[in-house]
Amino acid sequence: MASQVRTEVVEQTTTFTLRELCEQSGVHAEYVIKLVSYGVIEPVEEPAAPEWTFDLESLARLRKAQRLQRDLKLNVPGLAVSLELLDDVQQLRREVERLKQQVRQLTGR
């Protein structure tokens, strides 16, 4: 069964209601609520669940979680740990690149 890829152009300030996030990602609200409870994604503000809004970063993270779950068969706690580790790796790579630039500036290379 081939998965469909949806490509849409949206502004950086776009927010989604819980329902819209579910529609964009093809998941049930219960799944999103579980991801929020494990800290995988975060609503923009902290009202009660039905009034949550999410930003583009949450949508991208939700889609990444879906890929990890599909490809690696991870449960939600495993997704949370995996995404946290991936975030740490990305942050470390940025730091290494920043330090490389500083070394190049200091050595003139």
N, C-alpha and C. Protein backbone atom coordinates (compact mmCIF):
# COMPACT_ATOMS: atom_id res chain seq x y z
N MET A 1 0.83 -1.17 0.00
CA MET A 1 0.00 0.00 0.00
C MET A 1 0.89 1.25 0.00
N ALA A 2 0.81 2.01 -1.05
CA ALA A 2 1.65 3.20 -1.19
C ALA A 2 1.06 4.34 -0.38
N SER A 3 1.92 5.09 0.28
CA SER A 3 1.45 6.23 1.06
C SER A 3 1.41 7.46 0.16
N GLN A 4 0.47 8.33 0.44
CA GLN A 4 0.33 9.55 -0.32
C GLN A 4 1.17 10.64 0.32
N VAL A 5 1.76 11.47 -0.51
CA VAL A 5 2.54 12.60 -0.01
C VAL A 5 1.76 13.86 -0.32
N ARG A 6 1.46 14.61 0.73
CA ARG A 6 0.76 15.88 0.56
C ARG A 6 1.75 17.01 0.63
N THR A 7 1.77 17.84 -0.39
CA THR A 7 2.65 18.99 -0.40
C THR A 7 1.79 20.24 -0.44
N GLU A 8 1.98 21.08 0.55
CA GLU A 8 1.23 22.32 0.62
C GLU A 8 2.17 23.44 1.02
N VAL A 9 1.88 24.62 0.51
CA VAL A 9 2.66 25.79 0.87
C VAL A 9 1.86 26.54 1.92
N VAL A 10 2.45 26.72 3.10
CA VAL A 10 1.80 27.44 4.17
C VAL A 10 2.78 28.42 4.77
N GLU A 11 2.27 29.47 5.38
CA GLU A 11 3.12 30.48 6.00
C GLU A 11 3.68 29.98 7.31
N GLN A 12 4.81 30.52 7.72
CA GLN A 12 5.45 30.14 8.98
C GLN A 12 4.56 30.41 10.19
N THR A 13 3.65 31.38 10.09
CA THR A 13 2.81 31.72 11.23
C THR A 13 1.53 30.91 11.27
N THR A 14 1.38 29.97 10.38
CA THR A 14 0.18 29.15 10.33
C THR A 14 0.04 28.34 11.60
N THR A 15 -1.18 28.30 12.12
CA THR A 15 -1.48 27.41 13.24
C THR A 15 -2.64 26.51 12.84
N PHE A 16 -2.71 25.39 13.54
CA PHE A 16 -3.73 24.40 13.25
C PHE A 16 -4.48 24.07 14.53
N THR A 17 -5.78 23.90 14.42
CA THR A 17 -6.54 23.38 15.55
C THR A 17 -6.21 21.89 15.67
N LEU A 18 -6.65 21.28 16.74
CA LEU A 18 -6.45 19.85 16.91
C LEU A 18 -7.06 19.09 15.73
N ARG A 19 -8.24 19.48 15.34
CA ARG A 19 -8.91 18.82 14.21
C ARG A 19 -8.11 18.99 12.91
N GLU A 20 -7.64 20.21 12.65
CA GLU A 20 -6.88 20.47 11.43
C GLU A 20 -5.56 19.70 11.43
N LEU A 21 -4.91 19.63 12.59
CA LEU A 21 -3.66 18.86 12.69
C LEU A 21 -3.92 17.40 12.36
N CYS A 22 -5.01 16.87 12.88
CA CYS A 22 -5.37 15.48 12.61
C CYS A 22 -5.64 15.28 11.12
N GLU A 23 -6.34 16.20 10.51
CA GLU A 23 -6.63 16.12 9.07
C GLU A 23 -5.35 16.20 8.24
N GLN A 24 -4.44 17.12 8.61
CA GLN A 24 -3.19 17.29 7.88
C GLN A 24 -2.30 16.06 7.95
N SER A 25 -2.35 15.36 9.07
CA SER A 25 -1.44 14.22 9.27
C SER A 25 -2.13 12.87 9.15
N GLY A 26 -3.44 12.87 9.05
CA GLY A 26 -4.17 11.62 8.89
C GLY A 26 -4.18 10.74 10.14
N VAL A 27 -4.22 11.37 11.32
CA VAL A 27 -4.24 10.61 12.57
C VAL A 27 -5.48 11.00 13.38
N HIS A 28 -5.79 10.19 14.38
CA HIS A 28 -6.91 10.47 15.28
C HIS A 28 -6.46 11.41 16.39
N ALA A 29 -7.43 12.13 16.94
CA ALA A 29 -7.14 13.07 18.02
C ALA A 29 -6.53 12.37 19.23
N GLU A 30 -6.94 11.14 19.50
CA GLU A 30 -6.39 10.40 20.65
C GLU A 30 -4.88 10.22 20.50
N TYR A 31 -4.43 9.99 19.27
CA TYR A 31 -3.00 9.83 19.01
C TYR A 31 -2.25 11.13 19.29
N VAL A 32 -2.80 12.24 18.83
CA VAL A 32 -2.18 13.55 19.07
C VAL A 32 -2.13 13.84 20.57
N ILE A 33 -3.23 13.55 21.27
CA ILE A 33 -3.27 13.78 22.71
C ILE A 33 -2.21 12.94 23.41
N LYS A 34 -2.02 11.71 22.96
CA LYS A 34 -0.98 10.86 23.55
C LYS A 34 0.41 11.43 23.28
N LEU A 35 0.64 11.94 22.05
CA LEU A 35 1.93 12.54 21.73
C LEU A 35 2.20 13.77 22.59
N VAL A 36 1.17 14.55 22.84
CA VAL A 36 1.32 15.72 23.70
C VAL A 36 1.65 15.27 25.12
N SER A 37 0.98 14.25 25.60
CA SER A 37 1.21 13.80 26.98
C SER A 37 2.63 13.27 27.18
N TYR A 38 3.25 12.75 26.11
CA TYR A 38 4.63 12.27 26.20
C TYR A 38 5.65 13.33 25.79
N GLY A 39 5.19 14.53 25.47
CA GLY A 39 6.10 15.61 25.13
C GLY A 39 6.68 15.53 23.73
N VAL A 40 6.09 14.71 22.87
CA VAL A 40 6.58 14.59 21.49
C VAL A 40 6.27 15.87 20.72
N ILE A 41 5.06 16.39 20.89
CA ILE A 41 4.68 17.67 20.30
C ILE A 41 4.05 18.51 21.40
N GLU A 42 3.99 19.81 21.17
CA GLU A 42 3.43 20.72 22.16
C GLU A 42 2.46 21.68 21.49
N PRO A 43 1.31 21.92 22.13
CA PRO A 43 0.42 22.95 21.60
C PRO A 43 1.04 24.33 21.80
N VAL A 44 0.60 25.28 21.01
CA VAL A 44 1.13 26.64 21.10
C VAL A 44 0.82 27.23 22.47
N GLU A 45 -0.37 27.01 22.97
CA GLU A 45 -0.78 27.48 24.29
C GLU A 45 -1.29 26.30 25.09
N GLU A 46 -1.62 26.52 26.35
CA GLU A 46 -2.01 25.43 27.23
C GLU A 46 -3.48 25.43 27.66
N PRO A 47 -4.43 25.69 26.77
CA PRO A 47 -5.82 25.51 27.18
C PRO A 47 -6.15 24.00 27.20
N ALA A 48 -7.39 23.68 27.42
CA ALA A 48 -7.80 22.27 27.41
C ALA A 48 -7.67 21.69 25.99
N ALA A 49 -7.56 20.37 25.91
CA ALA A 49 -7.28 19.67 24.66
C ALA A 49 -8.10 20.11 23.45
N PRO A 50 -9.41 20.23 23.53
CA PRO A 50 -10.14 20.58 22.30
C PRO A 50 -9.77 21.94 21.72
N GLU A 51 -9.28 22.86 22.55
CA GLU A 51 -8.93 24.20 22.05
C GLU A 51 -7.46 24.35 21.69
N TRP A 52 -6.70 23.29 21.74
CA TRP A 52 -5.28 23.37 21.40
C TRP A 52 -5.09 23.90 20.00
N THR A 53 -4.00 24.65 19.81
CA THR A 53 -3.54 25.01 18.48
C THR A 53 -2.08 24.58 18.38
N PHE A 54 -1.67 24.24 17.16
CA PHE A 54 -0.33 23.73 16.90
C PHE A 54 0.29 24.52 15.77
N ASP A 55 1.61 24.65 15.80
CA ASP A 55 2.32 25.38 14.75
C ASP A 55 2.92 24.40 13.74
N LEU A 56 3.61 24.98 12.76
CA LEU A 56 4.22 24.15 11.70
C LEU A 56 5.27 23.19 12.25
N GLU A 57 5.99 23.62 13.28
CA GLU A 57 7.00 22.76 13.89
C GLU A 57 6.34 21.50 14.47
N SER A 58 5.18 21.67 15.10
CA SER A 58 4.46 20.52 15.64
C SER A 58 4.00 19.58 14.53
N LEU A 59 3.52 20.15 13.42
CA LEU A 59 3.10 19.32 12.30
C LEU A 59 4.28 18.54 11.74
N ALA A 60 5.42 19.20 11.57
CA ALA A 60 6.61 18.52 11.05
C ALA A 60 7.07 17.43 12.01
N ARG A 61 7.04 17.72 13.30
CA ARG A 61 7.46 16.74 14.30
C ARG A 61 6.49 15.55 14.34
N LEU A 62 5.21 15.82 14.20
CA LEU A 62 4.21 14.76 14.14
C LEU A 62 4.47 13.85 12.94
N ARG A 63 4.76 14.44 11.81
CA ARG A 63 5.05 13.64 10.61
C ARG A 63 6.33 12.83 10.78
N LYS A 64 7.33 13.41 11.45
CA LYS A 64 8.56 12.67 11.73
C LYS A 64 8.26 11.49 12.66
N ALA A 65 7.43 11.73 13.66
CA ALA A 65 7.03 10.66 14.58
C ALA A 65 6.30 9.55 13.83
N GLN A 66 5.45 9.92 12.90
CA GLN A 66 4.74 8.92 12.10
C GLN A 66 5.73 8.06 11.30
N ARG A 67 6.73 8.70 10.71
CA ARG A 67 7.73 7.95 9.93
C ARG A 67 8.52 7.01 10.82
N LEU A 68 8.94 7.49 11.98
CA LEU A 68 9.68 6.64 12.91
C LEU A 68 8.83 5.46 13.36
N GLN A 69 7.59 5.73 13.67
CA GLN A 69 6.71 4.66 14.13
C GLN A 69 6.48 3.64 13.02
N ARG A 70 6.28 4.13 11.82
CA ARG A 70 6.06 3.23 10.67
C ARG A 70 7.33 2.44 10.34
N ASP A 71 8.46 3.12 10.24
CA ASP A 71 9.69 2.48 9.78
C ASP A 71 10.35 1.61 10.85
N LEU A 72 10.28 2.07 12.11
CA LEU A 72 10.99 1.37 13.18
C LEU A 72 10.07 0.64 14.14
N LYS A 73 8.76 0.77 13.92
CA LYS A 73 7.77 0.10 14.77
C LYS A 73 7.90 0.51 16.23
N LEU A 74 8.12 1.81 16.48
CA LEU A 74 8.29 2.32 17.84
C LEU A 74 6.94 2.62 18.47
N ASN A 75 6.85 2.41 19.78
CA ASN A 75 5.67 2.86 20.52
C ASN A 75 5.87 4.33 20.88
N VAL A 76 4.86 4.94 21.49
CA VAL A 76 4.93 6.38 21.77
C VAL A 76 6.07 6.73 22.73
N PRO A 77 6.29 5.97 23.82
CA PRO A 77 7.46 6.31 24.66
C PRO A 77 8.77 6.19 23.88
N GLY A 78 8.87 5.21 23.00
CA GLY A 78 10.06 5.06 22.16
C GLY A 78 10.22 6.23 21.20
N LEU A 79 9.10 6.71 20.67
CA LEU A 79 9.13 7.90 19.80
C LEU A 79 9.67 9.10 20.56
N ALA A 80 9.18 9.28 21.78
CA ALA A 80 9.61 10.43 22.58
C ALA A 80 11.11 10.40 22.81
N VAL A 81 11.63 9.25 23.19
CA VAL A 81 13.07 9.13 23.44
C VAL A 81 13.85 9.32 22.14
N SER A 82 13.40 8.69 21.07
CA SER A 82 14.10 8.79 19.78
C SER A 82 14.15 10.23 19.27
N LEU A 83 13.03 10.93 19.36
CA LEU A 83 13.01 12.31 18.89
C LEU A 83 13.87 13.21 19.76
N GLU A 84 13.90 12.95 21.05
CA GLU A 84 14.77 13.73 21.93
C GLU A 84 16.24 13.50 21.57
N LEU A 85 16.60 12.26 21.30
CA LEU A 85 17.97 11.96 20.90
C LEU A 85 18.31 12.59 19.55
N LEU A 86 17.38 12.55 18.61
CA LEU A 86 17.61 13.18 17.31
C LEU A 86 17.78 14.69 17.46
N ASP A 87 16.99 15.29 18.34
CA ASP A 87 17.14 16.73 18.62
C ASP A 87 18.53 17.02 19.19
N ASP A 88 18.98 16.18 20.12
CA ASP A 88 20.30 16.35 20.72
C ASP A 88 21.40 16.24 19.66
N VAL A 89 21.28 15.28 18.77
CA VAL A 89 22.27 15.11 17.70
C VAL A 89 22.29 16.34 16.80
N GLN A 90 21.12 16.84 16.45
CA GLN A 90 21.05 18.03 15.59
C GLN A 90 21.69 19.23 16.28
N GLN A 91 21.42 19.39 17.57
CA GLN A 91 22.01 20.50 18.32
C GLN A 91 23.53 20.36 18.39
N LEU A 92 24.03 19.16 18.62
CA LEU A 92 25.47 18.92 18.67
C LEU A 92 26.12 19.19 17.32
N ARG A 93 25.47 18.82 16.24
CA ARG A 93 26.01 19.09 14.90
C ARG A 93 26.12 20.58 14.64
N ARG A 94 25.09 21.34 15.07
CA ARG A 94 25.15 22.80 14.92
C ARG A 94 26.31 23.38 15.73
N GLU A 95 26.49 22.85 16.94
CA GLU A 95 27.57 23.34 17.80
C GLU A 95 28.94 23.01 17.20
N VAL A 96 29.09 21.82 16.66
CA VAL A 96 30.35 21.44 16.02
C VAL A 96 30.63 22.36 14.83
N GLU A 97 29.61 22.65 14.04
CA GLU A 97 29.79 23.53 12.89
C GLU A 97 30.18 24.94 13.34
N ARG A 98 29.54 25.42 14.41
CA ARG A 98 29.87 26.74 14.94
C ARG A 98 31.32 26.78 15.41
N LEU A 99 31.75 25.73 16.10
CA LEU A 99 33.13 25.67 16.58
C LEU A 99 34.12 25.57 15.42
N LYS A 100 33.77 24.83 14.38
CA LYS A 100 34.63 24.75 13.19
C LYS A 100 34.81 26.13 12.57
N GLN A 101 33.74 26.90 12.50
CA GLN A 101 33.82 28.24 11.95
C GLN A 101 34.72 29.12 12.79
N GLN A 102 34.62 29.00 14.10
CA GLN A 102 35.49 29.78 14.99
C GLN A 102 36.94 29.41 14.79
N VAL A 103 37.23 28.12 14.66
CA VAL A 103 38.61 27.67 14.44
C VAL A 103 39.12 28.22 13.11
N ARG A 104 38.29 28.17 12.06
CA ARG A 104 38.72 28.71 10.76
C ARG A 104 39.02 30.19 10.85
N GLN A 105 38.20 30.93 11.60
CA GLN A 105 38.42 32.38 11.76
C GLN A 105 39.72 32.63 12.53
N LEU A 106 39.96 31.84 13.55
CA LEU A 106 41.17 32.05 14.36
C LEU A 106 42.43 31.64 13.63
N THR A 107 42.36 30.62 12.81
CA THR A 107 43.55 30.14 12.12
C THR A 107 43.70 30.74 10.73
N GLY A 108 42.67 31.45 10.26
CA GLY A 108 42.76 32.05 8.93
C GLY A 108 42.59 31.05 7.79
N ARG A 109 42.00 29.91 8.07
CA ARG A 109 41.80 28.90 7.01
C ARG A 109 40.40 28.90 6.51
